[in-house]
C-alpha atoms as a PDB file:
ATOM      1  CA  MET A   1     -63.439  10.577 -36.192  1.00  0.00           C
ATOM      2  CA  MET A   2     -62.212   7.174 -35.645  1.00  0.00           C
ATOM      3  CA  ILE A   3     -58.441   6.311 -36.288  1.00  0.00           C
ATOM      4  CA  SER A   4     -57.954   2.962 -37.891  1.00  0.00           C
ATOM      5  CA  PRO A   5     -54.953   0.788 -36.560  1.00  0.00           C
ATOM      6  CA  THR A   6     -53.143   1.013 -39.880  1.00  0.00           C
ATOM      7  CA  GLY A   7     -52.849   4.788 -39.550  1.00  0.00           C
ATOM      8  CA  LYS A   8     -54.635   5.694 -42.864  1.00  0.00           C
ATOM      9  CA  ASN A   9     -56.546   8.646 -41.069  1.00  0.00           C
ATOM     10  CA  ASN A  10     -53.634   9.549 -38.796  1.00  0.00           C
ATOM     11  CA  PRO A  11     -51.527  12.601 -40.141  1.00  0.00           C
ATOM     12  CA  ASN A  12     -48.533  11.626 -37.805  1.00  0.00           C
ATOM     13  CA  PHE A  13     -48.284   7.990 -38.728  1.00  0.00           C
ATOM     14  CA  GLY A  14     -44.935   8.443 -40.614  1.00  0.00           C
ATOM     15  CA  ASN A  15     -43.709  10.929 -38.102  1.00  0.00           C
ATOM     16  CA  SER A  16     -43.336   8.610 -34.954  1.00  0.00           C
ATOM     17  CA  HIS A  17     -42.049   9.887 -31.701  1.00  0.00           C
ATOM     18  CA  GLY A  18     -40.443   6.641 -30.640  1.00  0.00           C
ATOM     19  CA  PHE A  19     -36.701   5.457 -30.907  1.00  0.00           C
ATOM     20  CA  THR A  20     -35.403   3.175 -33.728  1.00  0.00           C
ATOM     21  CA  LEU A  21     -33.870  -0.080 -33.149  1.00  0.00           C
ATOM     22  CA  ILE A  22     -30.376   1.553 -34.077  1.00  0.00           C
ATOM     23  CA  GLU A  23     -30.978   4.342 -31.613  1.00  0.00           C
ATOM     24  CA  LEU A  24     -31.608   1.714 -28.784  1.00  0.00           C
ATOM     25  CA  MET A  25     -28.719  -0.341 -29.741  1.00  0.00           C
ATOM     26  CA  ALA A  26     -26.294   2.657 -29.569  1.00  0.00           C
ATOM     27  CA  ALA A  27     -27.718   3.759 -26.213  1.00  0.00           C
ATOM     28  CA  VAL A  28     -27.114  -0.060 -24.919  1.00  0.00           C
ATOM     29  CA  VAL A  29     -23.387   0.294 -26.181  1.00  0.00           C
ATOM     30  CA  ILE A  30     -22.636   3.683 -24.564  1.00  0.00           C
ATOM     31  CA  LEU A  31     -24.178   2.424 -21.282  1.00  0.00           C
ATOM     32  CA  SER A  32     -22.229  -0.862 -21.414  1.00  0.00           C
ATOM     33  CA  PHE A  33     -18.965   0.966 -21.824  1.00  0.00           C
ATOM     34  CA  GLY A  34     -19.822   3.245 -19.067  1.00  0.00           C
ATOM     35  CA  LEU A  35     -20.717   0.304 -16.785  1.00  0.00           C
ATOM     36  CA  VAL A  36     -17.493  -1.351 -17.771  1.00  0.00           C
ATOM     37  CA  LEU A  37     -15.535   1.761 -16.762  1.00  0.00           C
ATOM     38  CA  VAL A  38     -17.259   2.134 -13.508  1.00  0.00           C
ATOM     39  CA  LEU A  39     -16.760  -1.523 -12.616  1.00  0.00           C
ATOM     40  CA  ARG A  40     -13.158  -1.303 -13.537  1.00  0.00           C
ATOM     41  CA  SER A  41     -12.688   1.789 -11.136  1.00  0.00           C
ATOM     42  CA  PHE A  42     -14.375  -0.285  -8.347  1.00  0.00           C
ATOM     43  CA  VAL A  43     -12.054  -3.225  -8.830  1.00  0.00           C
ATOM     44  CA  THR A  44      -9.137  -0.952  -8.899  1.00  0.00           C
ATOM     45  CA  ALA A  45     -10.164   0.648  -5.556  1.00  0.00           C
ATOM     46  CA  VAL A  46     -10.821  -2.757  -3.933  1.00  0.00           C
ATOM     47  CA  ASP A  47      -7.321  -3.966  -4.858  1.00  0.00           C
ATOM     48  CA  ALA A  48      -5.675  -0.626  -3.632  1.00  0.00           C
ATOM     49  CA  VAL A  49      -7.561  -1.241  -0.330  1.00  0.00           C
ATOM     50  CA  LYS A  50      -6.183  -4.708  -0.184  1.00  0.00           C
ATOM     51  CA  ARG A  51      -2.738  -3.451  -0.718  1.00  0.00           C
ATOM     52  CA  LEU A  52      -3.264  -0.645   1.932  1.00  0.00           C
ATOM     53  CA  GLU A  53      -4.483  -3.208   4.406  1.00  0.00           C
ATOM     54  CA  SER A  54      -0.958  -4.608   5.234  1.00  0.00           C
ATOM     55  CA  ILE A  55       0.637  -1.226   5.784  1.00  0.00           C
ATOM     56  CA  PRO A  56      -0.563  -0.394   9.356  1.00  0.00           C
ATOM     57  CA  PRO A  57       0.925  -3.663  10.642  1.00  0.00           C
ATOM     58  CA  ALA A  58       4.195  -3.095   8.911  1.00  0.00           C
ATOM     59  CA  VAL A  59       4.161   0.508  10.401  1.00  0.00           C
ATOM     60  CA  HIS A  60       3.456  -0.956  13.983  1.00  0.00           C
ATOM     61  CA  LEU A  61       6.170  -3.702  13.550  1.00  0.00           C
ATOM     62  CA  LEU A  62       8.680  -0.889  12.259  1.00  0.00           C
ATOM     63  CA  GLU A  63       8.001   1.260  15.406  1.00  0.00           C
ATOM     64  CA  GLU A  64       7.926  -1.602  17.800  1.00  0.00           C
ATOM     65  CA  LYS A  65      11.512  -2.913  16.548  1.00  0.00           C
ATOM     66  CA  MET A  66      12.970   0.745  16.472  1.00  0.00           C
ATOM     67  CA  GLU A  67      11.808   1.236  20.069  1.00  0.00           C
ATOM     68  CA  GLU A  68      13.340  -2.135  21.039  1.00  0.00           C
ATOM     69  CA  ILE A  69      16.665  -0.986  19.546  1.00  0.00           C
ATOM     70  CA  LYS A  70      16.625   2.256  21.305  1.00  0.00           C
ATOM     71  CA  ASN A  71      15.712   0.643  24.693  1.00  0.00           C
ATOM     72  CA  ASP A  72      18.509  -2.003  24.114  1.00  0.00           C
ATOM     73  CA  ASN A  73      21.029   0.893  23.352  1.00  0.00           C
ATOM     74  CA  ARG A  74      19.832   2.808  26.486  1.00  0.00           C
ATOM     75  CA  GLU A  75      20.215  -0.204  28.704  1.00  0.00           C
ATOM     76  CA  GLN A  76      23.777  -0.727  27.059  1.00  0.00           C
ATOM     77  CA  LYS A  77      22.867  -4.118  25.647  1.00  0.00           C
ATOM     78  CA  ASN A  78      24.516  -5.434  22.330  1.00  0.00           C
ATOM     79  CA  VAL A  79      23.732  -2.704  20.034  1.00  0.00           C
ATOM     80  CA  SER A  80      26.602  -2.074  17.764  1.00  0.00           C
ATOM     81  CA  ALA A  81      27.388  -0.793  14.103  1.00  0.00           C
ATOM     82  CA  GLY A  82      26.671  -3.502  11.494  1.00  0.00           C
ATOM     83  CA  GLU A  83      23.627  -5.354  10.172  1.00  0.00           C
ATOM     84  CA  SER A  84      21.188  -7.538  11.555  1.00  0.00           C
ATOM     85  CA  ALA A  85      18.012  -9.136  10.504  1.00  0.00           C
ATOM     86  CA  GLY A  86      15.133 -11.444  11.640  1.00  0.00           C
ATOM     87  CA  GLU A  87      11.357 -12.229  11.305  1.00  0.00           C
ATOM     88  CA  PHE A  88       8.415 -11.278  13.124  1.00  0.00           C
ATOM     89  CA  PRO A  89       5.790 -13.865  13.818  1.00  0.00           C
ATOM     90  CA  ALA A  90       3.220 -14.446  11.087  1.00  0.00           C
ATOM     91  CA  TRP A  91       0.283 -12.036  10.904  1.00  0.00           C
ATOM     92  CA  LYS A  92      -2.927 -12.865   8.932  1.00  0.00           C
ATOM     93  CA  ASN A  93      -0.953 -15.283   6.836  1.00  0.00           C
ATOM     94  CA  GLU A  94       1.512 -12.776   5.967  1.00  0.00           C
ATOM     95  CA  THR A  95       5.366 -12.946   7.287  1.00  0.00           C
ATOM     96  CA  TYR A  96       7.030  -9.801   7.974  1.00  0.00           C
ATOM     97  CA  ALA A  97      10.914  -9.655   8.170  1.00  0.00           C
ATOM     98  CA  TRP A  98      13.104  -6.904   9.393  1.00  0.00           C
ATOM     99  CA  LYS A  99      16.696  -5.632   8.738  1.00  0.00           C
ATOM    100  CA  LEU A 100      18.606  -3.122  10.800  1.00  0.00           C
ATOM    101  CA  ASN A 101      21.623  -1.441   9.443  1.00  0.00           C
ATOM    102  CA  MET A 102      23.593   0.475  11.735  1.00  0.00           C
ATOM    103  CA  ASN A 103      26.185   3.032  10.109  1.00  0.00           C
ATOM    104  CA  PRO A 104      28.371   5.086  12.148  1.00  0.00           C
ATOM    105  CA  THR A 105      28.297   8.659  10.999  1.00  0.00           C
ATOM    106  CA  PRO A 106      31.365  10.716  10.255  1.00  0.00           C
ATOM    107  CA  SER A 107      30.420  13.280  13.157  1.00  0.00           C
ATOM    108  CA  GLU A 108      31.912  13.592  16.354  1.00  0.00           C
ATOM    109  CA  GLY A 109      30.665  11.241  19.131  1.00  0.00           C
ATOM    110  CA  ASN A 110      28.992   7.935  19.067  1.00  0.00           C
ATOM    111  CA  LEU A 111      26.161   8.905  16.739  1.00  0.00           C
ATOM    112  CA  SER A 112      25.044   6.139  14.340  1.00  0.00           C
ATOM    113  CA  GLU A 113      22.500   6.077  11.766  1.00  0.00           C
ATOM    114  CA  ALA A 114      19.958   3.217  12.323  1.00  0.00           C
ATOM    115  CA  GLN A 115      17.896   2.092   9.368  1.00  0.00           C
ATOM    116  CA  MET A 116      15.145  -0.354   9.797  1.00  0.00           C
ATOM    117  CA  THR A 117      13.553  -2.100   6.898  1.00  0.00           C
ATOM    118  CA  ILE A 118      10.403  -4.366   7.018  1.00  0.00           C
ATOM    119  CA  THR A 119       9.629  -6.486   3.986  1.00  0.00           C
ATOM    120  CA  TRP A 120       6.784  -8.648   3.467  1.00  0.00           C
ATOM    121  CA  LYS A 121       5.217 -10.491   0.486  1.00  0.00           C
ATOM    122  CA  GLN A 122       1.795  -9.493  -0.570  1.00  0.00           C
ATOM    123  CA  GLY A 123       0.263 -11.751  -3.502  1.00  0.00           C
ATOM    124  CA  THR A 124       3.092 -11.826  -6.111  1.00  0.00           C
ATOM    125  CA  SER A 125       4.969  -8.641  -5.032  1.00  0.00           C
ATOM    126  CA  GLN A 126       7.475  -7.835  -2.257  1.00  0.00           C
ATOM    127  CA  ARG A 127       6.546  -4.762  -0.188  1.00  0.00           C
ATOM    128  CA  THR A 128       9.118  -2.783   1.750  1.00  0.00           C
ATOM    129  CA  LEU A 129       8.793  -0.124   4.467  1.00  0.00           C
ATOM    130  CA  SER A 130      11.821   1.778   5.639  1.00  0.00           C
ATOM    131  CA  ALA A 131      12.666   4.248   8.431  1.00  0.00           C
ATOM    132  CA  PHE A 132      15.615   5.681   9.988  1.00  0.00           C
ATOM    133  CA  THR A 133      16.795   7.501  12.899  1.00  0.00           C
ATOM    134  CA  TYR A 134      20.111   8.572  14.721  1.00  0.00           C
ATOM    135  CA  LEU A 135      21.307   6.959  18.013  1.00  0.00           C
ATOM    136  CA  GLU A 136      24.045   7.731  20.165  1.00  0.00           C
ATOM    137  CA  LEU A 137      25.668   4.345  20.945  1.00  0.00           C
ATOM    138  CA  GLN A 138      25.893   3.890  24.551  1.00  0.00           C
ATOM    139  CA  ASN A 139      28.573   1.062  24.478  1.00  0.00           C
ATOM    140  CA  GLN A 140      30.955   2.288  21.939  1.00  0.00           C
ATOM    141  CA  THR A 141      33.823   4.736  22.179  1.00  0.00           C
ATOM    142  CA  PRO A 142      34.105   7.444  19.486  1.00  0.00           C
ATOM    143  CA  GLU A 143      36.604   5.331  17.584  1.00  0.00           C
ATOM    144  CA  GLY A 144      33.772   2.618  17.272  1.00  0.00           C
ATOM    145  CA  ASN A 145      35.383   0.171  19.907  1.00  0.00           C
ATOM    146  CA  PRO A 146      33.347  -1.237  22.776  1.00  0.00           C
ATOM    147  CA  THR A 147      33.866   0.045  26.195  1.00  0.00           C
ATOM    148  CA  SER A 148      35.122  -2.366  28.911  1.00  0.00           C
END
């Protein structure tokens, strides 16, 4: 038996196994939303990586400056209670600044809290990284007066 292109002799002509145009359009819309969500996640991840790239240099600079303060204190250079600040040389078009705040503790001895803060601008936001340690000031008496 021969089947005609019009389907007159085909018993499954009205019972097609394909997809309708509405079903295809719905599938395209659902896939589009999924693709948008995946791309948005990718962009968010790339932004997070860019923000995180500036943290290791800041940590390195913070550690370097804290070691400098500890060494100056050991060598009895000008390390005293109070606040000091400065800037590091530019690195990858970013300027890192530091601020040291030395506060005497109310305990016995010459113990002071040294808080170091590194700040830098990344894009439109200001980023900050802080750390603190305790130092026994070598050039101070317990009352906070420099030794002679």
